């Protein structure tokens, strides 16, 4: 699964880890995260994330 980086603060969403603090279980692909999810570090919207190559 692909990792995604927040363009605002550099936080990297890793699907293998998920975001358990915000009800996103490990194994959740970025595309499957709810649209209202925000960066847990800076609060940026999902649209601010870019795929890590």
PDB file of N, CA and C in Angstrom:
ATOM      1  N   UNK A   1       0.835  -1.188   0.000  1.00  0.00           N
ATOM      2  CA  UNK A   1       0.000   0.000   0.000  1.00  0.00           C
ATOM      3  C   UNK A   1       0.880   1.252   0.000  1.00  0.00           C
ATOM      4  N   UNK A   2       0.366   2.283  -0.610  1.00  0.00           N
ATOM      5  CA  UNK A   2       1.135   3.508  -0.768  1.00  0.00           C
ATOM      6  C   UNK A   2       1.011   4.416   0.441  1.00  0.00           C
ATOM      7  N   UNK A   3       2.105   5.123   0.741  1.00  0.00           N
ATOM      8  CA  UNK A   3       2.110   6.112   1.811  1.00  0.00           C
ATOM      9  C   UNK A   3       1.765   7.470   1.217  1.00  0.00           C
ATOM     10  N   UNK A   4       1.182   8.327   2.041  1.00  0.00           N
ATOM     11  CA  UNK A   4       0.777   9.670   1.620  1.00  0.00           C
ATOM     12  C   UNK A   4       1.339  10.680   2.594  1.00  0.00           C
ATOM     13  N   UNK A   5       1.847  11.806   2.074  1.00  0.00           N
ATOM     14  CA  UNK A   5       2.468  12.830   2.903  1.00  0.00           C
ATOM     15  C   UNK A   5       1.655  14.114   2.886  1.00  0.00           C
ATOM     16  N   UNK A   6       1.507  14.711   4.058  1.00  0.00           N
ATOM     17  CA  UNK A   6       0.823  15.991   4.179  1.00  0.00           C
ATOM     18  C   UNK A   6       1.741  17.090   3.648  1.00  0.00           C
ATOM     19  N   UNK A   7       1.261  17.839   2.662  1.00  0.00           N
ATOM     20  CA  UNK A   7       2.059  18.912   2.062  1.00  0.00           C
ATOM     21  C   UNK A   7       2.243  20.081   3.020  1.00  0.00           C
ATOM     22  N   UNK A   8       1.403  20.169   4.033  1.00  0.00           N
ATOM     23  CA  UNK A   8       1.470  21.287   4.974  1.00  0.00           C
ATOM     24  C   UNK A   8       2.532  21.076   6.067  1.00  0.00           C
ATOM     25  N   UNK A   9       2.623  19.850   6.607  1.00  0.00           N
ATOM     26  CA  UNK A   9       3.520  19.638   7.754  1.00  0.00           C
ATOM     27  C   UNK A   9       4.495  18.475   7.598  1.00  0.00           C
ATOM     28  N   UNK A  10       4.309  17.645   6.578  1.00  0.00           N
ATOM     29  CA  UNK A  10       5.233  16.538   6.368  1.00  0.00           C
ATOM     30  C   UNK A  10       4.832  15.228   7.031  1.00  0.00           C
ATOM     31  N   UNK A  11       3.698  15.213   7.746  1.00  0.00           N
ATOM     32  CA  UNK A  11       3.221  13.951   8.348  1.00  0.00           C
ATOM     33  C   UNK A  11       2.994  12.926   7.238  1.00  0.00           C
ATOM     34  N   UNK A  12       3.439  11.694   7.460  1.00  0.00           N
ATOM     35  CA  UNK A  12       3.246  10.638   6.473  1.00  0.00           C
ATOM     36  C   UNK A  12       2.221   9.638   7.001  1.00  0.00           C
ATOM     37  N   UNK A  13       1.135   9.460   6.219  1.00  0.00           N
ATOM     38  CA  UNK A  13       0.150   8.437   6.564  1.00  0.00           C
ATOM     39  C   UNK A  13       0.643   7.109   6.016  1.00  0.00           C
ATOM     40  N   UNK A  14       0.830   6.148   6.907  1.00  0.00           N
ATOM     41  CA  UNK A  14       1.270   4.798   6.544  1.00  0.00           C
ATOM     42  C   UNK A  14       0.092   3.856   6.730  1.00  0.00           C
ATOM     43  N   UNK A  15      -0.432   3.296   5.629  1.00  0.00           N
ATOM     44  CA  UNK A  15      -1.609   2.415   5.736  1.00  0.00           C
ATOM     45  C   UNK A  15      -1.385   1.200   6.634  1.00  0.00           C
ATOM     46  N   UNK A  16      -0.137   0.744   6.749  1.00  0.00           N
ATOM     47  CA  UNK A  16       0.131  -0.406   7.605  1.00  0.00           C
ATOM     48  C   UNK A  16      -0.093  -0.061   9.084  1.00  0.00           C
ATOM     49  N   UNK A  17       0.082   1.214   9.433  1.00  0.00           N
ATOM     50  CA  UNK A  17      -0.113   1.653  10.814  1.00  0.00           C
ATOM     51  C   UNK A  17      -1.497   2.260  11.032  1.00  0.00           C
ATOM     52  N   UNK A  18      -2.079   2.853   9.972  1.00  0.00           N
ATOM     53  CA  UNK A  18      -3.353   3.530  10.107  1.00  0.00           C
ATOM     54  C   UNK A  18      -3.205   4.773  10.977  1.00  0.00           C
ATOM     55  N   UNK A  19      -4.305   5.198  11.558  1.00  0.00           N
ATOM     56  CA  UNK A  19      -4.319   6.344  12.483  1.00  0.00           C
ATOM     57  C   UNK A  19      -5.287   5.984  13.608  1.00  0.00           C
ATOM     58  N   UNK A  20      -4.865   5.034  14.469  1.00  0.00           N
ATOM     59  CA  UNK A  20      -5.766   4.521  15.513  1.00  0.00           C
ATOM     60  C   UNK A  20      -6.338   5.591  16.432  1.00  0.00           C
ATOM     61  N   UNK A  21      -5.589   6.681  16.645  1.00  0.00           N
ATOM     62  CA  UNK A  21      -6.081   7.749  17.512  1.00  0.00           C
ATOM     63  C   UNK A  21      -7.303   8.446  16.925  1.00  0.00           C
ATOM     64  N   UNK A  22      -7.492   8.300  15.616  1.00  0.00           N
ATOM     65  CA  UNK A  22      -8.618   8.935  14.936  1.00  0.00           C
ATOM     66  C   UNK A  22      -9.515   7.916  14.236  1.00  0.00           C
ATOM     67  N   UNK A  23      -9.588   6.717  14.820  1.00  0.00           N
ATOM     68  CA  UNK A  23     -10.495   5.657  14.356  1.00  0.00           C
ATOM     69  C   UNK A  23     -10.224   5.166  12.938  1.00  0.00           C
ATOM     70  N   UNK A  24      -8.941   5.195  12.514  1.00  0.00           N
ATOM     71  CA  UNK A  24      -8.558   4.610  11.229  1.00  0.00           C
ATOM     72  C   UNK A  24      -7.667   3.405  11.554  1.00  0.00           C
ATOM     73  N   UNK A  25      -8.229   2.191  11.434  1.00  0.00           N
ATOM     74  CA  UNK A  25      -7.472   1.004  11.835  1.00  0.00           C
ATOM     75  C   UNK A  25      -6.308   0.693  10.895  1.00  0.00           C
ATOM     76  N   UNK A  26      -5.274  -0.004  11.412  1.00  0.00           N
ATOM     77  CA  UNK A  26      -4.180  -0.435  10.550  1.00  0.00           C
ATOM     78  C   UNK A  26      -4.717  -1.241   9.368  1.00  0.00           C
ATOM     79  N   UNK A  27      -4.071  -1.083   8.217  1.00  0.00           N
ATOM     80  CA  UNK A  27      -4.501  -1.789   7.016  1.00  0.00           C
ATOM     81  C   UNK A  27      -5.487  -1.003   6.166  1.00  0.00           C
ATOM     82  N   UNK A  28      -5.807   0.247   6.571  1.00  0.00           N
ATOM     83  CA  UNK A  28      -6.754   1.073   5.828  1.00  0.00           C
ATOM     84  C   UNK A  28      -6.018   1.870   4.755  1.00  0.00           C
ATOM     85  N   UNK A  29      -6.364   1.624   3.488  1.00  0.00           N
ATOM     86  CA  UNK A  29      -5.770   2.381   2.387  1.00  0.00           C
ATOM     87  C   UNK A  29      -6.187   3.847   2.495  1.00  0.00           C
ATOM     88  N   UNK A  30      -5.324   4.742   2.022  1.00  0.00           N
ATOM     89  CA  UNK A  30      -5.624   6.177   2.101  1.00  0.00           C
ATOM     90  C   UNK A  30      -6.952   6.492   1.428  1.00  0.00           C
ATOM     91  N   UNK A  31      -7.206   5.848   0.304  1.00  0.00           N
ATOM     92  CA  UNK A  31      -8.445   6.083  -0.443  1.00  0.00           C
ATOM     93  C   UNK A  31      -9.690   5.707   0.356  1.00  0.00           C
ATOM     94  N   UNK A  32      -9.523   4.817   1.332  1.00  0.00           N
ATOM     95  CA  UNK A  32     -10.657   4.330   2.125  1.00  0.00           C
ATOM     96  C   UNK A  32     -10.894   5.120   3.412  1.00  0.00           C
ATOM     97  N   UNK A  33     -10.022   6.097   3.687  1.00  0.00           N
ATOM     98  CA  UNK A  33     -10.217   6.937   4.868  1.00  0.00           C
ATOM     99  C   UNK A  33     -11.404   7.862   4.590  1.00  0.00           C
ATOM    100  N   UNK A  34     -12.267   8.096   5.581  1.00  0.00           N
ATOM    101  CA  UNK A  34     -13.399   9.009   5.366  1.00  0.00           C
ATOM    102  C   UNK A  34     -12.945  10.382   4.877  1.00  0.00           C
ATOM    103  N   UNK A  35     -13.748  11.008   4.034  1.00  0.00           N
ATOM    104  CA  UNK A  35     -13.391  12.303   3.442  1.00  0.00           C
ATOM    105  C   UNK A  35     -13.236  13.409   4.483  1.00  0.00           C
ATOM    106  N   UNK A  36     -13.865  13.266   5.646  1.00  0.00           N
ATOM    107  CA  UNK A  36     -13.764  14.318   6.667  1.00  0.00           C
ATOM    108  C   UNK A  36     -12.566  14.140   7.606  1.00  0.00           C
ATOM    109  N   UNK A  37     -11.743  13.103   7.347  1.00  0.00           N
ATOM    110  CA  UNK A  37     -10.531  12.892   8.128  1.00  0.00           C
ATOM    111  C   UNK A  37      -9.564  14.039   7.867  1.00  0.00           C
ATOM    112  N   UNK A  38      -8.812  14.439   8.895  1.00  0.00           N
ATOM    113  CA  UNK A  38      -7.810  15.490   8.734  1.00  0.00           C
ATOM    114  C   UNK A  38      -6.467  15.008   9.278  1.00  0.00           C
ATOM    115  N   UNK A  39      -5.413  15.672   8.859  1.00  0.00           N
ATOM    116  CA  UNK A  39      -4.067  15.344   9.332  1.00  0.00           C
ATOM    117  C   UNK A  39      -4.043  15.416  10.854  1.00  0.00           C
ATOM    118  N   UNK A  40      -3.566  14.351  11.516  1.00  0.00           N
ATOM    119  CA  UNK A  40      -3.555  14.356  12.980  1.00  0.00           C
ATOM    120  C   UNK A  40      -2.534  15.314  13.578  1.00  0.00           C
ATOM    121  N   UNK A  41      -1.622  15.840  12.772  1.00  0.00           N
ATOM    122  CA  UNK A  41      -0.603  16.761  13.279  1.00  0.00           C
ATOM    123  C   UNK A  41      -1.035  18.211  13.111  1.00  0.00           C
ATOM    124  N   UNK A  42      -1.472  18.579  11.877  1.00  0.00           N
ATOM    125  CA  UNK A  42      -1.748  19.997  11.623  1.00  0.00           C
ATOM    126  C   UNK A  42      -3.206  20.296  11.266  1.00  0.00           C
ATOM    127  N   UNK A  43      -4.024  19.262  11.070  1.00  0.00           N
ATOM    128  CA  UNK A  43      -5.438  19.486  10.784  1.00  0.00           C
ATOM    129  C   UNK A  43      -5.755  19.758   9.322  1.00  0.00           C
ATOM    130  N   UNK A  44      -4.774  19.571   8.436  1.00  0.00           N
ATOM    131  CA  UNK A  44      -5.007  19.786   7.007  1.00  0.00           C
ATOM    132  C   UNK A  44      -5.988  18.742   6.470  1.00  0.00           C
ATOM    133  N   UNK A  45      -6.733  19.128   5.450  1.00  0.00           N
ATOM    134  CA  UNK A  45      -7.710  18.205   4.858  1.00  0.00           C
ATOM    135  C   UNK A  45      -7.007  17.133   4.030  1.00  0.00           C
ATOM    136  N   UNK A  46      -7.748  16.108   3.698  1.00  0.00           N
ATOM    137  CA  UNK A  46      -7.228  14.987   2.920  1.00  0.00           C
ATOM    138  C   UNK A  46      -6.682  15.440   1.564  1.00  0.00           C
ATOM    139  N   UNK A  47      -7.240  16.538   1.028  1.00  0.00           N
ATOM    140  CA  UNK A  47      -6.807  17.036  -0.279  1.00  0.00           C
ATOM    141  C   UNK A  47      -5.370  17.565  -0.251  1.00  0.00           C
ATOM    142  N   UNK A  48      -4.862  17.850   0.947  1.00  0.00           N
ATOM    143  CA  UNK A  48      -3.493  18.384   1.072  1.00  0.00           C
ATOM    144  C   UNK A  48      -2.432  17.295   1.045  1.00  0.00           C
ATOM    145  N   UNK A  49      -2.835  16.033   0.930  1.00  0.00           N
ATOM    146  CA  UNK A  49      -1.876  14.930   0.944  1.00  0.00           C
ATOM    147  C   UNK A  49      -1.460  14.551  -0.469  1.00  0.00           C
ATOM    148  N   UNK A  50      -0.187  14.177  -0.597  1.00  0.00           N
ATOM    149  CA  UNK A  50       0.367  13.747  -1.872  1.00  0.00           C
ATOM    150  C   UNK A  50       0.974  12.365  -1.703  1.00  0.00           C
ATOM    151  N   UNK A  51       0.832  11.548  -2.743  1.00  0.00           N
ATOM    152  CA  UNK A  51       1.372  10.193  -2.711  1.00  0.00           C
ATOM    153  C   UNK A  51       2.892  10.244  -2.636  1.00  0.00           C
ATOM    154  N   UNK A  52       3.476   9.423  -1.762  1.00  0.00           N
ATOM    155  CA  UNK A  52       4.931   9.329  -1.644  1.00  0.00           C
ATOM    156  C   UNK A  52       5.419   8.347  -2.692  1.00  0.00           C
ATOM    157  N   UNK A  53       6.312   8.809  -3.544  1.00  0.00           N
ATOM    158  CA  UNK A  53       6.840   7.943  -4.619  1.00  0.00           C
ATOM    159  C   UNK A  53       7.996   7.096  -4.136  1.00  0.00           C
TER     160      UNK A  53
END
